[in-house]
Structures are given as C-alpha cells and as structure tokens.
C-alpha cells in the first residue's frame, strides 16, 4: 500500500530549491508540484527530485578529474575507487555501461553511512552514482530525465525490500565537449541493518534491483526512439 510521508535525503537534507515528484499512481499526468507527496511501499522508500541549483553548481560530464570511461574502457573498472571494496558496485557499473544499457556513469561512491543509535536498524551502507545518456543528443531535454526518473520510481516501488531508501534526483549538468547545458540523474541508495554487514547485503540486493530497472528503462526508451524514426 502506498502512503505519503516525508523522507530525508541520503547524504544531507534536501535543498529548498528542489521539488518532489509525485508518486506515479498519484499523478499520472506527470504534472509536478512542490507539494507533491513522496512514496513508500513494502519497505522501499523512493524519493524523486528536480534540482534547480544555479548553473555554477551544475555537475560536469565528463568530470575533469578521476573519470573512467567504462563504455570505451570496461577493463579499467578497477580504477573506479568505489569498486575494489564493493563488488556489487563493480557489477552494477559494468552492466550499466554495457551494450544493453543507454547510460554512462560517473562520480560513483559507496561507503558506510552514519549510524542511527537507538533504532532497530542502526547501521547503514549507501552509494551514489551519476548517470547520463551515452548518446549526447539525449542529454538536453529535462522532460526525458523526468520521465526516466518517474518510470524508475514506479518499477522500484513494486519491489519488496527491507530498510532500503532510493533517491532519484534530476540535476543540471554541463557538457563542455558540446558547449551545452543539459541534465543528469543521481541515484543514491541507502540500506539499514542491525550490523554493517547486514546493511551491505541489503544495499547490494537493492543495487541489483536498480540495475534491472535501468535496463528495463533502456529497452523501453530504445523502442520509443525507433518508433519515432
């Protein structure tokens, strides 16, 4: 059962410049509102946001430092710092940057989250990754990213999982190679558990669910692009 609730963003409080997406079942017409509800179902919480930060705070793709192009150089995956100690992140990045996916990743991180003493699941483990479309021509329409985020949320809300929170945020992004501004999608996943090991296992399972949802979205977008030709 879906219920409205206020959820905290992983990695910090949500910016005042952000507005929450409505749940897919609540706003089928995709009209966005600052008062739109956030969603929770079967233990999975999904929060969607559009970040309206100033251009000076936009992300840049590709980043000037520590960027590994995994679509061109998949064998270099161990150069991504988040991968070596976190095999689920390695599998996620390998597949999301693979031939079956429309996406390219950057700025992937994974780390133990701040503890919440006095709760039933005090330990936490989380990750964050930024995605853009591998085809540069698809990165300049905010509607495309908003629809992607809403479709992802609908898929994730169907999943059952324990103590798992996923934040999907559409953010501004600079593309210097094209001298254009566009957008990217940030996916932050946070799992809670009685111990850090339990939180890590839940996080890995949750990341696999996100991976499958992204591949499904890739297939659907490909079909739409072919139909539009």
Protein backbone atom coordinates (compact mmCIF):
# COMPACT_ATOMS: atom_id res chain seq x y z
CA UNK A 1 0.00 0.00 0.00
CA UNK A 2 1.33 3.44 -0.94
CA UNK A 3 1.37 6.13 1.70
CA UNK A 4 2.53 9.74 1.75
CA UNK A 5 5.39 10.60 4.04
CA UNK A 6 8.34 12.96 4.43
CA UNK A 7 11.67 11.24 3.82
CA UNK A 8 15.21 12.50 4.37
CA UNK A 9 17.68 12.63 1.50
CA UNK A 10 20.72 10.33 1.72
CA UNK A 11 23.80 12.43 2.21
CA UNK A 12 22.05 15.52 3.52
CA UNK A 13 18.81 17.44 3.73
CA UNK A 14 17.01 18.22 0.53
CA UNK A 15 17.70 21.66 -0.92
CA UNK A 16 14.98 24.27 -0.66
CA UNK A 17 15.39 24.71 -4.43
CA UNK A 18 14.22 21.17 -5.03
CA UNK A 19 10.71 19.98 -5.58
CA UNK A 20 9.47 16.46 -5.05
CA UNK A 21 7.96 14.42 -7.84
CA UNK A 22 4.50 12.97 -7.28
CA UNK A 23 4.08 9.22 -6.98
CA UNK A 24 3.39 7.66 -10.39
CA UNK A 25 -0.04 6.41 -9.26
CA UNK A 26 -0.93 9.76 -7.72
CA UNK A 27 -0.10 11.98 -10.71
CA UNK A 28 -0.45 10.03 -13.92
CA UNK A 29 -0.41 13.21 -15.95
CA UNK A 30 3.19 13.83 -14.73
CA UNK A 31 2.43 17.39 -13.64
CA UNK A 32 4.94 18.28 -10.93
CA UNK A 33 4.19 20.21 -7.78
CA UNK A 34 6.17 21.50 -4.81
CA UNK A 35 3.50 19.93 -2.60
CA UNK A 36 3.61 16.56 -4.33
CA UNK A 37 3.71 13.55 -1.99
CA UNK A 38 6.63 11.18 -1.61
CA UNK A 39 6.11 7.44 -1.67
CA UNK A 40 6.73 4.34 0.38
CA UNK A 41 5.74 0.78 -0.34
CA UNK A 42 6.67 -2.62 1.10
CA UNK A 43 9.67 -1.23 2.95
CA UNK A 44 11.15 0.59 -0.06
CA UNK A 45 11.15 4.38 0.03
CA UNK A 46 11.68 6.24 -3.24
CA UNK A 47 12.21 10.00 -3.35
CA UNK A 48 12.32 11.93 -6.62
CA UNK A 49 13.56 15.47 -7.03
CA UNK A 50 14.44 18.11 -9.61
CA UNK A 51 17.44 20.15 -8.53
CA UNK A 52 17.14 23.78 -9.65
CA UNK A 53 20.59 24.82 -8.45
CA UNK A 54 22.38 27.70 -10.16
CA UNK A 55 24.47 26.81 -13.26
CA UNK A 56 27.68 27.40 -11.27
CA UNK A 57 26.76 24.36 -9.14
CA UNK A 58 25.89 22.05 -12.02
CA UNK A 59 27.73 18.77 -12.49
CA UNK A 60 30.12 18.42 -15.43
CA UNK A 61 30.35 15.46 -17.80
CA UNK A 62 32.88 14.14 -18.22
CA UNK A 63 34.42 15.30 -14.94
CA UNK A 64 37.82 16.92 -15.16
CA UNK A 65 39.31 14.53 -12.56
CA UNK A 66 39.14 10.81 -11.75
CA UNK A 67 36.84 9.93 -14.64
CA UNK A 68 36.95 6.46 -16.18
CA UNK A 69 35.02 5.97 -19.42
CA UNK A 70 33.70 2.47 -18.77
CA UNK A 71 31.83 2.29 -22.06
CA UNK A 72 35.08 2.66 -24.01
CA UNK A 73 37.36 1.00 -21.44
CA UNK A 74 35.40 -1.60 -19.45
CA UNK A 75 38.64 -3.32 -18.47
CA UNK A 76 39.56 -0.23 -16.43
CA UNK A 77 36.71 -0.73 -13.95
CA UNK A 78 39.07 -1.34 -11.02
CA UNK A 79 40.29 2.24 -11.46
CA UNK A 80 36.97 3.40 -10.01
CA UNK A 81 37.68 3.79 -6.27
CA UNK A 82 34.24 2.60 -5.18
CA UNK A 83 34.62 -0.75 -6.94
CA UNK A 84 37.55 -2.53 -5.28
CA UNK A 85 35.97 -2.89 -1.83
CA UNK A 86 32.40 -3.17 -3.12
CA UNK A 87 31.87 -5.93 -5.73
CA UNK A 88 28.14 -5.11 -6.19
CA UNK A 89 29.14 -1.63 -7.38
CA UNK A 90 31.56 -3.17 -9.87
CA UNK A 91 28.85 -5.42 -11.32
CA UNK A 92 26.41 -2.51 -11.44
CA UNK A 93 28.81 -0.22 -13.31
CA UNK A 94 29.90 -2.97 -15.70
CA UNK A 95 26.31 -3.66 -16.77
CA UNK A 96 25.03 -0.08 -16.75
CA UNK A 97 27.90 0.97 -19.01
CA UNK A 98 27.45 -2.10 -21.23
CA UNK A 99 25.85 -2.65 -24.61
CA UNK A 100 22.39 -3.38 -23.21
CA UNK A 101 22.24 0.00 -21.48
CA UNK A 102 21.74 3.51 -22.83
CA UNK A 103 23.66 5.10 -19.95
CA UNK A 104 27.15 6.20 -18.97
CA UNK A 105 28.13 6.60 -15.33
CA UNK A 106 30.39 8.92 -13.38
CA UNK A 107 31.08 10.01 -9.79
CA UNK A 108 30.27 6.62 -8.26
CA UNK A 109 30.79 6.35 -4.49
CA UNK A 110 29.99 3.75 -1.84
CA UNK A 111 30.57 3.99 1.90
CA UNK A 112 29.30 3.16 5.35
CA UNK A 113 26.59 5.63 6.38
CA UNK A 114 26.21 7.45 9.67
CA UNK A 115 24.86 5.25 12.45
CA UNK A 116 21.43 5.77 13.97
CA UNK A 117 21.78 4.61 17.59
CA UNK A 118 18.63 3.56 19.40
CA UNK A 119 16.84 2.31 16.29
CA UNK A 120 16.07 -1.24 15.16
CA UNK A 121 18.48 -0.83 12.21
CA UNK A 122 21.29 1.43 13.47
CA UNK A 123 23.94 0.55 10.86
CA UNK A 124 23.88 1.84 7.30
CA UNK A 125 25.62 1.49 3.97
CA UNK A 126 24.95 3.60 0.91
CA UNK A 127 26.07 4.62 -2.54
CA UNK A 128 25.65 7.36 -5.09
CA UNK A 129 26.16 7.37 -8.84
CA UNK A 130 25.50 9.90 -11.58
CA UNK A 131 24.12 8.82 -14.97
CA UNK A 132 23.85 10.48 -18.35
CA UNK A 133 22.72 9.09 -21.68
CA UNK A 134 25.64 7.69 -23.68
CA UNK A 135 24.15 9.34 -26.79
CA UNK A 136 24.95 13.07 -26.30
CA UNK A 137 21.83 14.13 -28.21
CA UNK A 138 19.59 12.74 -25.46
CA UNK A 139 21.03 14.77 -22.59
CA UNK A 140 19.49 18.19 -23.18
CA UNK A 141 15.79 17.64 -22.50
CA UNK A 142 14.73 17.78 -18.88
CA UNK A 143 11.44 16.04 -19.70
CA UNK A 144 13.35 12.98 -20.85
CA UNK A 145 15.12 12.75 -17.49
CA UNK A 146 11.94 13.42 -15.51
CA UNK A 147 10.13 10.64 -17.34
CA UNK A 148 13.08 8.32 -16.73
CA UNK A 149 13.05 9.10 -13.01
CA UNK A 150 9.30 8.57 -12.74
CA UNK A 151 9.48 5.29 -14.65
CA UNK A 152 12.31 4.09 -12.40
CA UNK A 153 10.36 5.01 -9.28
CA UNK A 154 7.35 3.07 -10.48
CA UNK A 155 9.48 -0.03 -11.05
CA UNK A 156 11.27 0.24 -7.71
CA UNK A 157 8.05 0.77 -5.78
CA UNK A 158 6.90 -2.65 -6.96
CA UNK A 159 9.88 -4.28 -5.27
CA UNK A 160 9.87 -5.51 -1.70
CA UNK A 161 12.95 -4.84 0.39
CA UNK A 162 13.87 -4.19 3.98
CA UNK A 163 15.11 -0.82 5.23
CA UNK A 164 16.00 0.48 1.77
CA UNK A 165 15.77 4.08 0.56
CA UNK A 166 16.41 5.24 -3.01
CA UNK A 167 16.71 8.89 -4.01
CA UNK A 168 16.43 9.83 -7.68
CA UNK A 169 17.41 13.42 -8.47
CA UNK A 170 17.41 15.14 -11.86
CA UNK A 171 20.18 17.74 -11.81
CA UNK A 172 21.69 20.27 -14.18
CA UNK A 173 24.85 19.16 -15.98
CA UNK A 174 27.40 20.91 -18.16
CA UNK A 175 28.68 19.18 -21.31
CA UNK A 176 31.85 21.10 -22.31
CA UNK A 177 32.56 18.95 -25.39
CA UNK A 178 29.30 20.19 -26.89
CA UNK A 179 29.31 23.63 -25.25
CA UNK A 180 25.81 22.88 -24.00
CA UNK A 181 23.94 22.55 -20.74
CA UNK A 182 21.80 19.54 -20.07
CA UNK A 183 20.85 17.15 -17.29
CA UNK A 184 21.94 14.06 -15.43
CA UNK A 185 20.35 11.65 -12.97
CA UNK A 186 21.71 11.00 -9.50
CA UNK A 187 20.79 7.68 -7.90
CA UNK A 188 21.51 7.43 -4.17
CA UNK A 189 20.77 4.17 -2.38
CA UNK A 190 20.83 3.71 1.39
CA UNK A 191 20.31 0.43 3.26
CA UNK A 192 19.91 -0.02 7.01
CA UNK A 193 20.56 -3.07 9.15
CA UNK A 194 21.35 -4.30 12.64
CA UNK A 195 25.02 -4.54 11.60
CA UNK A 196 27.13 -3.01 8.85
CA UNK A 197 27.43 -6.41 7.18
CA UNK A 198 23.65 -6.77 7.08
CA UNK A 199 23.31 -3.25 5.67
CA UNK A 200 25.91 -4.06 2.99
CA UNK A 201 23.99 -7.18 1.92
CA UNK A 202 20.72 -5.25 1.71
CA UNK A 203 22.45 -2.48 -0.24
CA UNK A 204 23.88 -4.98 -2.74
CA UNK A 205 20.46 -6.54 -3.29
CA UNK A 206 18.91 -3.10 -3.70
CA UNK A 207 21.58 -2.06 -6.22
CA UNK A 208 20.79 -5.15 -8.28
CA UNK A 209 17.12 -4.08 -8.35
CA UNK A 210 18.08 -0.60 -9.54
CA UNK A 211 20.27 -2.18 -12.23
CA UNK A 212 17.41 -4.29 -13.56
CA UNK A 213 15.06 -1.31 -13.54
CA UNK A 214 17.57 0.76 -15.53
CA UNK A 215 17.95 -2.00 -18.13
CA UNK A 216 14.17 -2.19 -18.48
CA UNK A 217 14.01 1.59 -18.96
CA UNK A 218 16.76 1.34 -21.59
CA UNK A 219 14.75 -1.18 -23.58
CA UNK A 220 11.61 0.95 -23.40
CA UNK A 221 13.42 4.12 -24.46
CA UNK A 222 15.05 2.30 -27.39
CA UNK A 223 11.65 1.16 -28.60
CA UNK A 224 10.28 4.71 -28.40
CA UNK A 225 13.27 6.11 -30.27
CA UNK A 226 12.84 3.53 -33.03
CA UNK A 227 9.14 4.30 -33.30
CA UNK A 228 9.96 7.99 -33.67
CA UNK A 229 12.31 7.43 -36.59
